[in-house]
C-alpha atoms as a PDB file:
ATOM      1  CA  UNK A   1     -20.520  47.432 -46.963  1.00  0.00           C
ATOM      2  CA  UNK A   2     -18.416  50.837 -46.775  1.00  0.00           C
ATOM      3  CA  UNK A   3     -19.124  52.884 -43.391  1.00  0.00           C
ATOM      4  CA  UNK A   4     -18.670  56.138 -45.447  1.00  0.00           C
ATOM      5  CA  UNK A   5     -21.248  58.761 -46.118  1.00  0.00           C
ATOM      6  CA  UNK A   6     -21.214  61.046 -49.040  1.00  0.00           C
ATOM      7  CA  UNK A   7     -23.024  64.462 -48.349  1.00  0.00           C
ATOM      8  CA  UNK A   8     -24.096  66.179 -51.400  1.00  0.00           C
ATOM      9  CA  UNK A   9     -25.150  69.676 -50.107  1.00  0.00           C
ATOM     10  CA  UNK A  10     -24.561  73.240 -51.181  1.00  0.00           C
ATOM     11  CA  UNK A  11     -25.397  74.684 -47.700  1.00  0.00           C
ATOM     12  CA  UNK A  12     -21.844  74.599 -46.102  1.00  0.00           C
ATOM     13  CA  UNK A  13     -23.198  75.190 -42.627  1.00  0.00           C
ATOM     14  CA  UNK A  14     -25.544  72.330 -42.844  1.00  0.00           C
ATOM     15  CA  UNK A  15     -23.139  69.982 -44.717  1.00  0.00           C
ATOM     16  CA  UNK A  16     -20.493  70.519 -41.898  1.00  0.00           C
ATOM     17  CA  UNK A  17     -22.992  70.030 -39.236  1.00  0.00           C
ATOM     18  CA  UNK A  18     -24.229  66.874 -40.689  1.00  0.00           C
ATOM     19  CA  UNK A  19     -20.482  65.420 -41.214  1.00  0.00           C
ATOM     20  CA  UNK A  20     -19.714  66.111 -37.398  1.00  0.00           C
ATOM     21  CA  UNK A  21     -22.746  64.264 -36.222  1.00  0.00           C
ATOM     22  CA  UNK A  22     -22.156  61.510 -38.604  1.00  0.00           C
ATOM     23  CA  UNK A  23     -18.403  61.113 -37.640  1.00  0.00           C
ATOM     24  CA  UNK A  24     -19.378  60.951 -34.057  1.00  0.00           C
ATOM     25  CA  UNK A  25     -21.596  57.788 -34.949  1.00  0.00           C
ATOM     26  CA  UNK A  26     -18.606  56.299 -36.513  1.00  0.00           C
ATOM     27  CA  UNK A  27     -19.089  57.114 -40.198  1.00  0.00           C
ATOM     28  CA  UNK A  28     -16.546  58.460 -42.513  1.00  0.00           C
ATOM     29  CA  UNK A  29     -17.770  61.399 -44.536  1.00  0.00           C
ATOM     30  CA  UNK A  30     -17.220  63.231 -47.749  1.00  0.00           C
ATOM     31  CA  UNK A  31     -18.756  66.543 -48.604  1.00  0.00           C
ATOM     32  CA  UNK A  32     -19.413  68.123 -52.187  1.00  0.00           C
ATOM     33  CA  UNK A  33     -21.578  70.986 -52.752  1.00  0.00           C
ATOM     34  CA  UNK A  34     -21.291  70.702 -56.726  1.00  0.00           C
ATOM     35  CA  UNK A  35     -24.084  69.267 -58.357  1.00  0.00           C
ATOM     36  CA  UNK A  36     -22.254  68.604 -61.597  1.00  0.00           C
ATOM     37  CA  UNK A  37     -19.657  66.565 -60.291  1.00  0.00           C
ATOM     38  CA  UNK A  38     -21.542  64.550 -57.397  1.00  0.00           C
ATOM     39  CA  UNK A  39     -22.291  61.599 -59.482  1.00  0.00           C
ATOM     40  CA  UNK A  40     -18.713  61.158 -60.706  1.00  0.00           C
ATOM     41  CA  UNK A  41     -17.645  61.479 -57.054  1.00  0.00           C
ATOM     42  CA  UNK A  42     -20.214  58.933 -55.960  1.00  0.00           C
ATOM     43  CA  UNK A  43     -18.551  56.556 -58.443  1.00  0.00           C
ATOM     44  CA  UNK A  44     -14.873  57.173 -57.572  1.00  0.00           C
ATOM     45  CA  UNK A  45     -15.365  57.186 -53.736  1.00  0.00           C
ATOM     46  CA  UNK A  46     -17.993  54.528 -53.708  1.00  0.00           C
ATOM     47  CA  UNK A  47     -19.630  55.243 -50.473  1.00  0.00           C
ATOM     48  CA  UNK A  48     -21.772  53.208 -48.174  1.00  0.00           C
ATOM     49  CA  UNK A  49     -24.473  55.699 -48.463  1.00  0.00           C
ATOM     50  CA  UNK A  50     -25.388  59.093 -50.089  1.00  0.00           C
ATOM     51  CA  UNK A  51     -27.081  62.005 -48.665  1.00  0.00           C
ATOM     52  CA  UNK A  52     -28.151  64.023 -51.757  1.00  0.00           C
ATOM     53  CA  UNK A  53     -29.997  67.585 -51.458  1.00  0.00           C
ATOM     54  CA  UNK A  54     -32.717  68.077 -54.157  1.00  0.00           C
ATOM     55  CA  UNK A  55     -31.846  71.735 -55.002  1.00  0.00           C
ATOM     56  CA  UNK A  56     -28.248  71.936 -55.921  1.00  0.00           C
ATOM     57  CA  UNK A  57     -26.653  74.366 -58.329  1.00  0.00           C
ATOM     58  CA  UNK A  58     -25.615  73.056 -61.707  1.00  0.00           C
ATOM     59  CA  UNK A  59     -27.808  70.033 -61.406  1.00  0.00           C
ATOM     60  CA  UNK A  60     -31.163  68.875 -59.854  1.00  0.00           C
ATOM     61  CA  UNK A  61     -30.749  66.210 -57.415  1.00  0.00           C
ATOM     62  CA  UNK A  62     -33.438  64.111 -59.176  1.00  0.00           C
ATOM     63  CA  UNK A  63     -30.991  63.855 -61.932  1.00  0.00           C
ATOM     64  CA  UNK A  64     -27.941  63.086 -60.102  1.00  0.00           C
ATOM     65  CA  UNK A  65     -29.735  60.320 -58.221  1.00  0.00           C
ATOM     66  CA  UNK A  66     -30.893  58.905 -61.644  1.00  0.00           C
ATOM     67  CA  UNK A  67     -27.291  59.183 -62.908  1.00  0.00           C
ATOM     68  CA  UNK A  68     -25.894  57.250 -59.873  1.00  0.00           C
ATOM     69  CA  UNK A  69     -28.533  54.379 -60.272  1.00  0.00           C
ATOM     70  CA  UNK A  70     -27.211  53.730 -63.502  1.00  0.00           C
ATOM     71  CA  UNK A  71     -23.808  52.406 -62.143  1.00  0.00           C
ATOM     72  CA  UNK A  72     -24.712  51.767 -58.533  1.00  0.00           C
ATOM     73  CA  UNK A  73     -27.074  50.436 -55.970  1.00  0.00           C
ATOM     74  CA  UNK A  74     -25.713  52.619 -52.929  1.00  0.00           C
ATOM     75  CA  UNK A  75     -28.528  53.667 -50.867  1.00  0.00           C
ATOM     76  CA  UNK A  76     -29.632  57.195 -51.435  1.00  0.00           C
ATOM     77  CA  UNK A  77     -31.473  59.648 -49.037  1.00  0.00           C
ATOM     78  CA  UNK A  78     -32.697  62.841 -50.474  1.00  0.00           C
ATOM     79  CA  UNK A  79     -32.819  66.051 -48.666  1.00  0.00           C
ATOM     80  CA  UNK A  80     -35.159  68.245 -49.636  1.00  0.00           C
ATOM     81  CA  UNK A  81     -37.530  71.496 -48.765  1.00  0.00           C
ATOM     82  CA  UNK A  82     -40.140  70.525 -51.454  1.00  0.00           C
ATOM     83  CA  UNK A  83     -42.742  68.709 -49.597  1.00  0.00           C
ATOM     84  CA  UNK A  84     -45.258  68.192 -52.302  1.00  0.00           C
ATOM     85  CA  UNK A  85     -46.064  64.545 -52.970  1.00  0.00           C
ATOM     86  CA  UNK A  86     -45.156  64.513 -56.689  1.00  0.00           C
ATOM     87  CA  UNK A  87     -41.255  65.194 -55.682  1.00  0.00           C
ATOM     88  CA  UNK A  88     -41.502  62.520 -53.203  1.00  0.00           C
ATOM     89  CA  UNK A  89     -42.878  59.959 -55.673  1.00  0.00           C
ATOM     90  CA  UNK A  90     -40.831  60.998 -58.575  1.00  0.00           C
ATOM     91  CA  UNK A  91     -37.591  60.766 -56.267  1.00  0.00           C
ATOM     92  CA  UNK A  92     -38.721  57.252 -55.186  1.00  0.00           C
ATOM     93  CA  UNK A  93     -39.131  56.108 -58.858  1.00  0.00           C
ATOM     94  CA  UNK A  94     -35.926  57.038 -59.785  1.00  0.00           C
ATOM     95  CA  UNK A  95     -34.337  55.021 -56.980  1.00  0.00           C
ATOM     96  CA  UNK A  96     -34.057  57.025 -53.816  1.00  0.00           C
ATOM     97  CA  UNK A  97     -34.218  55.021 -50.606  1.00  0.00           C
ATOM     98  CA  UNK A  98     -35.707  57.729 -48.299  1.00  0.00           C
ATOM     99  CA  UNK A  99     -36.739  61.148 -47.902  1.00  0.00           C
ATOM    100  CA  UNK A 100     -35.948  63.552 -44.965  1.00  0.00           C
ATOM    101  CA  UNK A 101     -37.812  67.113 -45.129  1.00  0.00           C
ATOM    102  CA  UNK A 102     -36.129  70.428 -44.198  1.00  0.00           C
ATOM    103  CA  UNK A 103     -35.984  71.572 -41.578  1.00  0.00           C
ATOM    104  CA  UNK A 104     -34.626  68.485 -39.727  1.00  0.00           C
ATOM    105  CA  UNK A 105     -32.278  67.529 -36.664  1.00  0.00           C
ATOM    106  CA  UNK A 106     -28.961  66.374 -37.536  1.00  0.00           C
ATOM    107  CA  UNK A 107     -29.833  63.215 -34.930  1.00  0.00           C
ATOM    108  CA  UNK A 108     -32.943  62.679 -37.106  1.00  0.00           C
ATOM    109  CA  UNK A 109     -30.566  62.313 -40.358  1.00  0.00           C
ATOM    110  CA  UNK A 110     -28.031  59.859 -38.372  1.00  0.00           C
ATOM    111  CA  UNK A 111     -30.982  57.822 -37.387  1.00  0.00           C
ATOM    112  CA  UNK A 112     -32.437  57.616 -40.688  1.00  0.00           C
ATOM    113  CA  UNK A 113     -28.701  56.782 -42.215  1.00  0.00           C
ATOM    114  CA  UNK A 114     -28.450  53.803 -39.740  1.00  0.00           C
ATOM    115  CA  UNK A 115     -31.974  52.558 -40.521  1.00  0.00           C
ATOM    116  CA  UNK A 116     -31.355  52.764 -44.316  1.00  0.00           C
ATOM    117  CA  UNK A 117     -28.067  50.799 -43.980  1.00  0.00           C
ATOM    118  CA  UNK A 118     -29.558  48.170 -41.769  1.00  0.00           C
ATOM    119  CA  UNK A 119     -32.265  47.645 -44.367  1.00  0.00           C
ATOM    120  CA  UNK A 120     -29.638  47.503 -47.238  1.00  0.00           C
ATOM    121  CA  UNK A 121     -27.310  44.896 -45.623  1.00  0.00           C
ATOM    122  CA  UNK A 122     -29.605  42.569 -43.304  1.00  0.00           C
ATOM    123  CA  UNK A 123     -27.718  40.160 -41.119  1.00  0.00           C
ATOM    124  CA  UNK A 124     -27.207  36.347 -42.736  1.00  0.00           C
ATOM    125  CA  UNK A 125     -29.386  33.893 -41.129  1.00  0.00           C
ATOM    126  CA  UNK A 126     -26.755  30.942 -41.056  1.00  0.00           C
ATOM    127  CA  UNK A 127     -29.226  27.834 -40.639  1.00  0.00           C
ATOM    128  CA  UNK A 128     -32.999  26.657 -40.134  1.00  0.00           C
ATOM    129  CA  UNK A 129     -36.121  27.883 -42.318  1.00  0.00           C
ATOM    130  CA  UNK A 130     -34.592  31.290 -43.055  1.00  0.00           C
ATOM    131  CA  UNK A 131     -33.426  32.953 -46.063  1.00  0.00           C
ATOM    132  CA  UNK A 132     -29.739  33.824 -46.362  1.00  0.00           C
ATOM    133  CA  UNK A 133     -28.348  36.310 -49.027  1.00  0.00           C
ATOM    134  CA  UNK A 134     -24.749  36.187 -49.386  1.00  0.00           C
ATOM    135  CA  UNK A 135     -23.901  39.362 -51.874  1.00  0.00           C
ATOM    136  CA  UNK A 136     -20.152  38.423 -51.777  1.00  0.00           C
ATOM    137  CA  UNK A 137     -20.548  35.114 -53.031  1.00  0.00           C
ATOM    138  CA  UNK A 138     -23.686  35.962 -54.537  1.00  0.00           C
ATOM    139  CA  UNK A 139     -25.321  32.846 -53.141  1.00  0.00           C
ATOM    140  CA  UNK A 140     -28.641  32.246 -51.336  1.00  0.00           C
ATOM    141  CA  UNK A 141     -29.950  29.733 -49.471  1.00  0.00           C
ATOM    142  CA  UNK A 142     -33.403  28.581 -48.065  1.00  0.00           C
ATOM    143  CA  UNK A 143     -34.168  25.856 -45.288  1.00  0.00           C
ATOM    144  CA  UNK A 144     -30.205  25.542 -45.417  1.00  0.00           C
ATOM    145  CA  UNK A 145     -30.417  24.606 -49.190  1.00  0.00           C
ATOM    146  CA  UNK A 146     -28.773  26.578 -52.058  1.00  0.00           C
ATOM    147  CA  UNK A 147     -31.038  28.338 -54.326  1.00  0.00           C
ATOM    148  CA  UNK A 148     -30.082  28.163 -57.992  1.00  0.00           C
ATOM    149  CA  UNK A 149     -30.792  31.712 -59.253  1.00  0.00           C
ATOM    150  CA  UNK A 150     -29.820  33.660 -62.248  1.00  0.00           C
ATOM    151  CA  UNK A 151     -28.196  36.936 -61.678  1.00  0.00           C
ATOM    152  CA  UNK A 152     -31.380  39.006 -62.183  1.00  0.00           C
ATOM    153  CA  UNK A 153     -33.247  36.752 -59.881  1.00  0.00           C
ATOM    154  CA  UNK A 154     -30.502  37.040 -57.182  1.00  0.00           C
ATOM    155  CA  UNK A 155     -30.760  40.788 -57.608  1.00  0.00           C
ATOM    156  CA  UNK A 156     -34.649  40.977 -57.449  1.00  0.00           C
ATOM    157  CA  UNK A 157     -34.677  38.761 -54.143  1.00  0.00           C
ATOM    158  CA  UNK A 158     -31.965  40.967 -52.520  1.00  0.00           C
ATOM    159  CA  UNK A 159     -33.855  43.948 -53.206  1.00  0.00           C
ATOM    160  CA  UNK A 160     -37.022  42.748 -51.787  1.00  0.00           C
ATOM    161  CA  UNK A 161     -35.455  40.891 -48.842  1.00  0.00           C
ATOM    162  CA  UNK A 162     -33.169  43.875 -47.836  1.00  0.00           C
ATOM    163  CA  UNK A 163     -36.421  45.983 -47.099  1.00  0.00           C
ATOM    164  CA  UNK A 164     -39.066  43.480 -45.575  1.00  0.00           C
ATOM    165  CA  UNK A 165     -42.370  44.542 -45.768  1.00  0.00           C
ATOM    166  CA  UNK A 166     -41.794  47.556 -48.263  1.00  0.00           C
ATOM    167  CA  UNK A 167     -43.864  47.453 -51.438  1.00  0.00           C
ATOM    168  CA  UNK A 168     -41.597  47.800 -54.749  1.00  0.00           C
ATOM    169  CA  UNK A 169     -43.713  49.193 -57.727  1.00  0.00           C
ATOM    170  CA  UNK A 170     -42.618  47.308 -61.162  1.00  0.00           C
ATOM    171  CA  UNK A 171     -40.879  50.554 -62.273  1.00  0.00           C
ATOM    172  CA  UNK A 172     -38.832  50.917 -59.059  1.00  0.00           C
ATOM    173  CA  UNK A 173     -37.783  47.265 -59.452  1.00  0.00           C
ATOM    174  CA  UNK A 174     -36.771  47.824 -63.390  1.00  0.00           C
ATOM    175  CA  UNK A 175     -34.716  50.924 -62.140  1.00  0.00           C
ATOM    176  CA  UNK A 176     -32.824  48.638 -59.647  1.00  0.00           C
ATOM    177  CA  UNK A 177     -32.280  45.600 -61.705  1.00  0.00           C
ATOM    178  CA  UNK A 178     -31.877  47.537 -65.052  1.00  0.00           C
ATOM    179  CA  UNK A 179     -30.094  50.575 -64.211  1.00  0.00           C
ATOM    180  CA  UNK A 180     -28.707  51.107 -67.692  1.00  0.00           C
ATOM    181  CA  UNK A 181     -32.387  51.932 -68.735  1.00  0.00           C
ATOM    182  CA  UNK A 182     -32.831  49.488 -70.987  1.00  0.00           C
ATOM    183  CA  UNK A 183     -36.307  48.985 -72.417  1.00  0.00           C
ATOM    184  CA  UNK A 184     -38.161  46.392 -70.598  1.00  0.00           C
ATOM    185  CA  UNK A 185     -41.884  45.831 -70.141  1.00  0.00           C
ATOM    186  CA  UNK A 186     -43.681  45.848 -66.791  1.00  0.00           C
ATOM    187  CA  UNK A 187     -44.446  42.015 -67.386  1.00  0.00           C
ATOM    188  CA  UNK A 188     -40.775  41.320 -67.768  1.00  0.00           C
ATOM    189  CA  UNK A 189     -40.773  41.804 -63.710  1.00  0.00           C
ATOM    190  CA  UNK A 190     -43.594  39.780 -63.380  1.00  0.00           C
ATOM    191  CA  UNK A 191     -42.006  36.928 -65.327  1.00  0.00           C
ATOM    192  CA  UNK A 192     -38.703  37.036 -62.861  1.00  0.00           C
ATOM    193  CA  UNK A 193     -41.043  37.022 -59.880  1.00  0.00           C
ATOM    194  CA  UNK A 194     -42.992  33.855 -61.112  1.00  0.00           C
ATOM    195  CA  UNK A 195     -39.604  32.102 -61.883  1.00  0.00           C
ATOM    196  CA  UNK A 196     -38.328  33.088 -58.528  1.00  0.00           C
ATOM    197  CA  UNK A 197     -41.482  31.940 -56.747  1.00  0.00           C
ATOM    198  CA  UNK A 198     -41.354  28.528 -58.256  1.00  0.00           C
ATOM    199  CA  UNK A 199     -37.606  28.104 -57.211  1.00  0.00           C
ATOM    200  CA  UNK A 200     -38.526  29.201 -53.573  1.00  0.00           C
ATOM    201  CA  UNK A 201     -41.568  26.882 -53.684  1.00  0.00           C
ATOM    202  CA  UNK A 202     -39.454  24.004 -54.468  1.00  0.00           C
ATOM    203  CA  UNK A 203     -37.693  24.358 -51.040  1.00  0.00           C
ATOM    204  CA  UNK A 204     -40.731  25.656 -49.083  1.00  0.00           C
ATOM    205  CA  UNK A 205     -43.910  24.903 -50.772  1.00  0.00           C
ATOM    206  CA  UNK A 206     -45.927  25.663 -47.509  1.00  0.00           C
ATOM    207  CA  UNK A 207     -44.770  29.318 -47.340  1.00  0.00           C
ATOM    208  CA  UNK A 208     -45.105  32.517 -49.684  1.00  0.00           C
ATOM    209  CA  UNK A 209     -42.239  34.627 -49.174  1.00  0.00           C
ATOM    210  CA  UNK A 210     -42.654  37.231 -52.094  1.00  0.00           C
ATOM    211  CA  UNK A 211     -46.085  38.618 -52.024  1.00  0.00           C
ATOM    212  CA  UNK A 212     -48.331  40.744 -54.868  1.00  0.00           C
ATOM    213  CA  UNK A 213     -49.615  43.582 -53.982  1.00  0.00           C
ATOM    214  CA  UNK A 214     -52.546  44.208 -56.246  1.00  0.00           C
ATOM    215  CA  UNK A 215     -52.136  47.376 -58.454  1.00  0.00           C
ATOM    216  CA  UNK A 216     -49.051  48.268 -56.861  1.00  0.00           C
ATOM    217  CA  UNK A 217     -46.114  45.760 -56.902  1.00  0.00           C
ATOM    218  CA  UNK A 218     -44.601  43.199 -54.969  1.00  0.00           C
ATOM    219  CA  UNK A 219     -42.855  43.046 -51.417  1.00  0.00           C
ATOM    220  CA  UNK A 220     -40.970  40.212 -49.199  1.00  0.00           C
ATOM    221  CA  UNK A 221     -42.963  39.594 -46.039  1.00  0.00           C
ATOM    222  CA  UNK A 222     -41.005  39.327 -43.083  1.00  0.00           C
ATOM    223  CA  UNK A 223     -43.631  37.813 -41.034  1.00  0.00           C
ATOM    224  CA  UNK A 224     -43.036  34.652 -42.990  1.00  0.00           C
ATOM    225  CA  UNK A 225     -39.725  34.221 -41.616  1.00  0.00           C
END
């Protein structure tokens, strides 16, 4: 994964300050204050993570987040002065990975960037009972044995595995798996999860790695590792 961070923030001083701290932490940075061109810049520059302000001239950060999700699964951390719960939930439904509310310290931002990148690119488990996800080769193994997964099943497992313990709603999973916003039913996700569980159970029938959270969605349980 790229170690570059795209900063989309219209406050020039804040943008420069964040860039300085991220560069000191070893990240390359690219800054823009233009909400109208932010998504296009994300497509061209292919950053490892996007810091996205919610309130931007020309275009709302939520709209930009949705547009980026249509072509990329790059981690997105939203920066916002809005603390209302509805904004947080809406942002996460559209595919944001985390929120940081203003005012914040640059050190906190760097720490959250590192944490989100660790979740999105977990270390591979080479052998043993663990699950291995190799995104470059699009391969997954369990107990050292290959899993025969479809492209959708691999992506679903990768999303859950990348954030152990995090609960994803069906809507969040659909937005990640079907970024072209095609019309799919909530039950489509249930069907994919059911098939994925069967394939995992063939190799480890005594363990359940993907857990249902009643009325909410699904999570990968890291304690099972």
